PDB file of N, CA and C in Angstrom:
ATOM      1  N   MET A   1     135.055  85.470 135.577  1.00  0.00           N
ATOM      2  CA  MET A   1     134.842  86.871 135.316  1.00  0.00           C
ATOM      3  C   MET A   1     136.172  87.559 134.993  1.00  0.00           C
ATOM      4  N   MET A   2     137.216  87.234 135.742  1.00  0.00           N
ATOM      5  CA  MET A   2     138.517  87.866 135.523  1.00  0.00           C
ATOM      6  C   MET A   2     139.050  87.523 134.134  1.00  0.00           C
ATOM      7  N   VAL A   3     138.844  86.287 133.697  1.00  0.00           N
ATOM      8  CA  VAL A   3     139.315  85.879 132.366  1.00  0.00           C
ATOM      9  C   VAL A   3     138.618  86.701 131.288  1.00  0.00           C
ATOM     10  N   GLY A   4     137.317  86.878 131.426  1.00  0.00           N
ATOM     11  CA  GLY A   4     136.566  87.681 130.470  1.00  0.00           C
ATOM     12  C   GLY A   4     137.039  89.120 130.450  1.00  0.00           C
ATOM     13  N   LEU A   5     137.287  89.666 131.638  1.00  0.00           N
ATOM     14  CA  LEU A   5     137.790  91.040 131.734  1.00  0.00           C
ATOM     15  C   LEU A   5     139.142  91.163 131.042  1.00  0.00           C
ATOM     16  N   MET A   6     140.023  90.217 131.279  1.00  0.00           N
ATOM     17  CA  MET A   6     141.355  90.286 130.673  1.00  0.00           C
ATOM     18  C   MET A   6     141.284  90.118 129.153  1.00  0.00           C
ATOM     19  N   GLU A   7     140.382  89.281 128.675  1.00  0.00           N
ATOM     20  CA  GLU A   7     140.212  89.146 127.221  1.00  0.00           C
ATOM     21  C   GLU A   7     139.728  90.458 126.618  1.00  0.00           C
ATOM     22  N   ARG A   8     138.813  91.128 127.311  1.00  0.00           N
ATOM     23  CA  ARG A   8     138.306  92.423 126.832  1.00  0.00           C
ATOM     24  C   ARG A   8     139.412  93.472 126.827  1.00  0.00           C
ATOM     25  N   VAL A   9     140.216  93.512 127.881  1.00  0.00           N
ATOM     26  CA  VAL A   9     141.335  94.458 127.944  1.00  0.00           C
ATOM     27  C   VAL A   9     142.314  94.190 126.806  1.00  0.00           C
ATOM     28  N   ARG A  10     142.601  92.909 126.537  1.00  0.00           N
ATOM     29  CA  ARG A  10     143.519  92.558 125.445  1.00  0.00           C
ATOM     30  C   ARG A  10     142.975  93.031 124.103  1.00  0.00           C
ATOM     31  N   ALA A  11     141.691  92.790 123.870  1.00  0.00           N
ATOM     32  CA  ALA A  11     141.075  93.199 122.601  1.00  0.00           C
ATOM     33  C   ALA A  11     141.105  94.714 122.447  1.00  0.00           C
ATOM     34  N   LEU A  12     140.796  95.430 123.511  1.00  0.00           N
ATOM     35  CA  LEU A  12     140.824  96.897 123.453  1.00  0.00           C
ATOM     36  C   LEU A  12     142.251  97.409 123.241  1.00  0.00           C
ATOM     37  N   ALA A  13     143.220  96.773 123.883  1.00  0.00           N
ATOM     38  CA  ALA A  13     144.614  97.192 123.721  1.00  0.00           C
ATOM     39  C   ALA A  13     145.084  96.973 122.281  1.00  0.00           C
ATOM     40  N   GLU A  14     144.707  95.846 121.692  1.00  0.00           N
ATOM     41  CA  GLU A  14     145.076  95.582 120.297  1.00  0.00           C
ATOM     42  C   GLU A  14     144.463  96.621 119.365  1.00  0.00           C
ATOM     43  N   GLU A  15     143.212  96.945 119.604  1.00  0.00           N
ATOM     44  CA  GLU A  15     142.536  97.954 118.783  1.00  0.00           C
ATOM     45  C   GLU A  15     143.200  99.317 118.950  1.00  0.00           C
ATOM     46  N   GLU A  16     143.516  99.668 120.184  1.00  0.00           N
ATOM     47  CA  GLU A  16     144.171 100.949 120.466  1.00  0.00           C
ATOM     48  C   GLU A  16     145.545 101.018 119.797  1.00  0.00           C
ATOM     49  N   PHE A  17     146.292  99.922 119.857  1.00  0.00           N
ATOM     50  CA  PHE A  17     147.614  99.887 119.235  1.00  0.00           C
ATOM     51  C   PHE A  17     147.499 100.080 117.727  1.00  0.00           C
ATOM     52  N   ARG A  18     146.526  99.408 117.121  1.00  0.00           N
ATOM     53  CA  ARG A  18     146.312  99.542 115.680  1.00  0.00           C
ATOM     54  C   ARG A  18     145.992 100.992 115.315  1.00  0.00           C
ATOM     55  N   GLU A  19     145.109 101.620 116.102  1.00  0.00           N
ATOM     56  CA  GLU A  19     144.763 103.022 115.841  1.00  0.00           C
ATOM     57  C   GLU A  19     145.971 103.936 116.010  1.00  0.00           C
ATOM     58  N   ALA A  20     146.803 103.663 117.014  1.00  0.00           N
ATOM     59  CA  ALA A  20     147.984 104.497 117.244  1.00  0.00           C
ATOM     60  C   ALA A  20     148.973 104.383 116.091  1.00  0.00           C
ATOM     61  N   VAL A  21     149.182 103.181 115.615  1.00  0.00           N
ATOM     62  CA  VAL A  21     150.126 102.965 114.507  1.00  0.00           C
ATOM     63  C   VAL A  21     149.635 103.644 113.236  1.00  0.00           C
ATOM     64  N   GLU A  22     148.333 103.627 113.009  1.00  0.00           N
ATOM     65  CA  GLU A  22     147.763 104.211 111.799  1.00  0.00           C
ATOM     66  C   GLU A  22     147.538 105.714 111.904  1.00  0.00           C
ATOM     67  N   SER A  23     147.735 106.275 113.077  1.00  0.00           N
ATOM     68  CA  SER A  23     147.483 107.698 113.305  1.00  0.00           C
ATOM     69  C   SER A  23     148.503 108.573 112.580  1.00  0.00           C
ATOM     70  N   ASP A  24     148.010 109.661 111.981  1.00  0.00           N
ATOM     71  CA  ASP A  24     148.898 110.602 111.295  1.00  0.00           C
ATOM     72  C   ASP A  24     149.802 111.358 112.260  1.00  0.00           C
ATOM     73  N   GLU A  25     149.365 111.496 113.513  1.00  0.00           N
ATOM     74  CA  GLU A  25     150.140 112.258 114.495  1.00  0.00           C
ATOM     75  C   GLU A  25     151.289 111.471 115.108  1.00  0.00           C
ATOM     76  N   GLY A  26     151.353 110.167 114.872  1.00  0.00           N
ATOM     77  CA  GLY A  26     152.414 109.341 115.427  1.00  0.00           C
ATOM     78  C   GLY A  26     151.985 108.669 116.722  1.00  0.00           C
ATOM     79  N   VAL A  27     152.664 107.595 117.050  1.00  0.00           N
ATOM     80  CA  VAL A  27     152.293 106.773 118.197  1.00  0.00           C
ATOM     81  C   VAL A  27     152.419 107.534 119.513  1.00  0.00           C
ATOM     82  N   VAL A  28     153.500 108.274 119.704  1.00  0.00           N
ATOM     83  CA  VAL A  28     153.717 108.961 120.979  1.00  0.00           C
ATOM     84  C   VAL A  28     152.649 110.027 121.222  1.00  0.00           C
ATOM     85  N   ARG A  29     152.424 110.875 120.240  1.00  0.00           N
ATOM     86  CA  ARG A  29     151.399 111.910 120.412  1.00  0.00           C
ATOM     87  C   ARG A  29     150.017 111.290 120.601  1.00  0.00           C
ATOM     88  N   TYR A  30     149.726 110.233 119.874  1.00  0.00           N
ATOM     89  CA  TYR A  30     148.439 109.550 120.017  1.00  0.00           C
ATOM     90  C   TYR A  30     148.283 109.026 121.443  1.00  0.00           C
ATOM     91  N   PHE A  31     149.313 108.362 121.943  1.00  0.00           N
ATOM     92  CA  PHE A  31     149.259 107.815 123.301  1.00  0.00           C
ATOM     93  C   PHE A  31     149.044 108.919 124.330  1.00  0.00           C
ATOM     94  N   LEU A  32     149.818 109.991 124.224  1.00  0.00           N
ATOM     95  CA  LEU A  32     149.685 111.083 125.184  1.00  0.00           C
ATOM     96  C   LEU A  32     148.293 111.722 125.127  1.00  0.00           C
ATOM     97  N   ARG A  33     147.764 111.859 123.946  1.00  0.00           N
ATOM     98  CA  ARG A  33     146.446 112.476 123.785  1.00  0.00           C
ATOM     99  C   ARG A  33     145.331 111.590 124.328  1.00  0.00           C
ATOM    100  N   THR A  34     145.489 110.284 124.230  1.00  0.00           N
ATOM    101  CA  THR A  34     144.396 109.377 124.584  1.00  0.00           C
ATOM    102  C   THR A  34     144.611 108.600 125.877  1.00  0.00           C
ATOM    103  N   SER A  35     145.702 108.846 126.586  1.00  0.00           N
ATOM    104  CA  SER A  35     146.042 107.996 127.731  1.00  0.00           C
ATOM    105  C   SER A  35     145.244 108.289 129.000  1.00  0.00           C
ATOM    106  N   LEU A  36     144.657 109.458 129.115  1.00  0.00           N
ATOM    107  CA  LEU A  36     143.885 109.784 130.314  1.00  0.00           C
ATOM    108  C   LEU A  36     142.405 109.878 129.981  1.00  0.00           C
ATOM    109  N   PRO A  37     141.548 109.433 130.908  1.00  0.00           N
ATOM    110  CA  PRO A  37     140.099 109.509 130.676  1.00  0.00           C
ATOM    111  C   PRO A  37     139.663 110.954 130.432  1.00  0.00           C
ATOM    112  N   GLN A  38     138.758 111.138 129.477  1.00  0.00           N
ATOM    113  CA  GLN A  38     138.276 112.474 129.120  1.00  0.00           C
ATOM    114  C   GLN A  38     136.922 112.805 129.744  1.00  0.00           C
ATOM    115  N   THR A  39     136.173 111.775 130.135  1.00  0.00           N
ATOM    116  CA  THR A  39     134.845 111.991 130.703  1.00  0.00           C
ATOM    117  C   THR A  39     134.733 111.253 132.034  1.00  0.00           C
ATOM    118  N   THR A  40     133.687 111.554 132.780  1.00  0.00           N
ATOM    119  CA  THR A  40     133.440 110.869 134.052  1.00  0.00           C
ATOM    120  C   THR A  40     133.249 109.379 133.836  1.00  0.00           C
ATOM    121  N   VAL A  41     132.517 109.018 132.799  1.00  0.00           N
ATOM    122  CA  VAL A  41     132.272 107.601 132.510  1.00  0.00           C
ATOM    123  C   VAL A  41     133.591 106.890 132.193  1.00  0.00           C
ATOM    124  N   GLU A  42     134.424 107.506 131.365  1.00  0.00           N
ATOM    125  CA  GLU A  42     135.720 106.911 131.049  1.00  0.00           C
ATOM    126  C   GLU A  42     136.569 106.770 132.316  1.00  0.00           C
ATOM    127  N   GLY A  43     136.515 107.774 133.175  1.00  0.00           N
ATOM    128  CA  GLY A  43     137.274 107.725 134.422  1.00  0.00           C
ATOM    129  C   GLY A  43     136.818 106.593 135.319  1.00  0.00           C
ATOM    130  N   GLU A  44     135.502 106.405 135.420  1.00  0.00           N
ATOM    131  CA  GLU A  44     134.972 105.315 136.231  1.00  0.00           C
ATOM    132  C   GLU A  44     135.381 103.960 135.672  1.00  0.00           C
ATOM    133  N   LEU A  45     135.330 103.817 134.357  1.00  0.00           N
ATOM    134  CA  LEU A  45     135.759 102.570 133.733  1.00  0.00           C
ATOM    135  C   LEU A  45     137.245 102.340 133.974  1.00  0.00           C
ATOM    136  N   TYR A  46     138.051 103.371 133.791  1.00  0.00           N
ATOM    137  CA  TYR A  46     139.497 103.276 134.004  1.00  0.00           C
ATOM    138  C   TYR A  46     139.802 102.764 135.417  1.00  0.00           C
ATOM    139  N   TRP A  47     139.184 103.381 136.422  1.00  0.00           N
ATOM    140  CA  TRP A  47     139.471 102.985 137.804  1.00  0.00           C
ATOM    141  C   TRP A  47     138.901 101.609 138.128  1.00  0.00           C
ATOM    142  N   ALA A  48     137.805 101.210 137.496  1.00  0.00           N
ATOM    143  CA  ALA A  48     137.266  99.868 137.695  1.00  0.00           C
ATOM    144  C   ALA A  48     138.237  98.818 137.159  1.00  0.00           C
ATOM    145  N   VAL A  49     138.819  99.092 135.988  1.00  0.00           N
ATOM    146  CA  VAL A  49     139.795  98.162 135.413  1.00  0.00           C
ATOM    147  C   VAL A  49     141.041  98.097 136.299  1.00  0.00           C
ATOM    148  N   ILE A  50     141.519  99.236 136.762  1.00  0.00           N
ATOM    149  CA  ILE A  50     142.685  99.251 137.653  1.00  0.00           C
ATOM    150  C   ILE A  50     142.390  98.445 138.907  1.00  0.00           C
ATOM    151  N   ALA A  51     141.209  98.626 139.493  1.00  0.00           N
ATOM    152  CA  ALA A  51     140.835  97.881 140.697  1.00  0.00           C
ATOM    153  C   ALA A  51     140.796  96.380 140.428  1.00  0.00           C
ATOM    154  N   ALA A  52     140.248  95.989 139.285  1.00  0.00           N
ATOM    155  CA  ALA A  52     140.184  94.564 138.952  1.00  0.00           C
ATOM    156  C   ALA A  52     141.582  93.983 138.784  1.00  0.00           C
ATOM    157  N   LEU A  53     142.450  94.716 138.130  1.00  0.00           N
ATOM    158  CA  LEU A  53     143.823  94.237 137.943  1.00  0.00           C
ATOM    159  C   LEU A  53     144.557  94.153 139.272  1.00  0.00           C
ATOM    160  N   ARG A  54     144.349  95.108 140.134  1.00  0.00           N
ATOM    161  CA  ARG A  54     144.993  95.088 141.447  1.00  0.00           C
ATOM    162  C   ARG A  54     144.438  93.972 142.320  1.00  0.00           C
ATOM    163  N   SER A  55     143.171  93.620 142.145  1.00  0.00           N
ATOM    164  CA  SER A  55     142.580  92.566 142.966  1.00  0.00           C
ATOM    165  C   SER A  55     143.295  91.244 142.734  1.00  0.00           C
ATOM    166  N   LYS A  56     143.868  91.073 141.568  1.00  0.00           N
ATOM    167  CA  LYS A  56     144.634  89.861 141.250  1.00  0.00           C
ATOM    168  C   LYS A  56     145.836  89.731 142.172  1.00  0.00           C
ATOM    169  N   GLU A  57     146.385  90.849 142.632  1.00  0.00           N
ATOM    170  CA  GLU A  57     147.552  90.826 143.507  1.00  0.00           C
ATOM    171  C   GLU A  57     147.246  90.167 144.843  1.00  0.00           C
ATOM    172  N   ASP A  58     145.977  90.186 145.272  1.00  0.00           N
ATOM    173  CA  ASP A  58     145.593  89.633 146.558  1.00  0.00           C
ATOM    174  C   ASP A  58     145.291  88.141 146.505  1.00  0.00           C
ATOM    175  N   ILE A  59     145.265  87.559 145.318  1.00  0.00           N
ATOM    176  CA  ILE A  59     144.937  86.144 145.177  1.00  0.00           C
ATOM    177  C   ILE A  59     146.223  85.324 145.325  1.00  0.00           C
ATOM    178  N   PRO A  60     146.255  84.415 146.317  1.00  0.00           N
ATOM    179  CA  PRO A  60     147.469  83.600 146.479  1.00  0.00           C
ATOM    180  C   PRO A  60     147.694  82.717 145.252  1.00  0.00           C
ATOM    181  N   ARG A  61     148.922  82.558 144.899  1.00  0.00           N
ATOM    182  CA  ARG A  61     149.271  81.705 143.755  1.00  0.00           C
ATOM    183  C   ARG A  61     149.119  80.237 144.146  1.00  0.00           C
ATOM    184  N   ARG A  62     148.687  79.425 143.189  1.00  0.00           N
ATOM    185  CA  ARG A  62     148.570  77.989 143.437  1.00  0.00           C
ATOM    186  C   ARG A  62     149.948  77.370 143.406  1.00  0.00           C
ATOM    187  N   ARG A  63     150.149  76.425 144.259  1.00  0.00           N
ATOM    188  CA  ARG A  63     151.430  75.707 144.255  1.00  0.00           C
ATOM    189  C   ARG A  63     151.340  74.571 143.239  1.00  0.00           C
ATOM    190  N   ALA A  64     152.435  74.373 142.560  1.00  0.00           N
ATOM    191  CA  ALA A  64     152.490  73.273 141.577  1.00  0.00           C
ATOM    192  C   ALA A  64     152.438  71.952 142.310  1.00  0.00           C
ATOM    193  N   SER A  65     151.691  71.002 141.763  1.00  0.00           N
ATOM    194  CA  SER A  65     151.611  69.667 142.369  1.00  0.00           C
ATOM    195  C   SER A  65     152.914  68.940 142.134  1.00  0.00           C
ATOM    196  N   SER A  66     153.368  68.208 143.153  1.00  0.00           N
ATOM    197  CA  SER A  66     154.619  67.455 143.000  1.00  0.00           C
ATOM    198  C   SER A  66     154.361  66.005 142.725  1.00  0.00           C
TER     199      SER A  66
END
């Protein structure tokens, strides 16, 4: 599930970057305008993604086999 989530985040980030570069207002203004959730649904999605990313911090790293 985490792999699928990360692939989706990567795809969305690539799309967002492309839109920012092509924006007439410039990358910085585009980022500032679009960086915060505008609706309740967007906010819930934003915090769900943050929670999923943070959950990775609690997973112990595997030790390399010797």
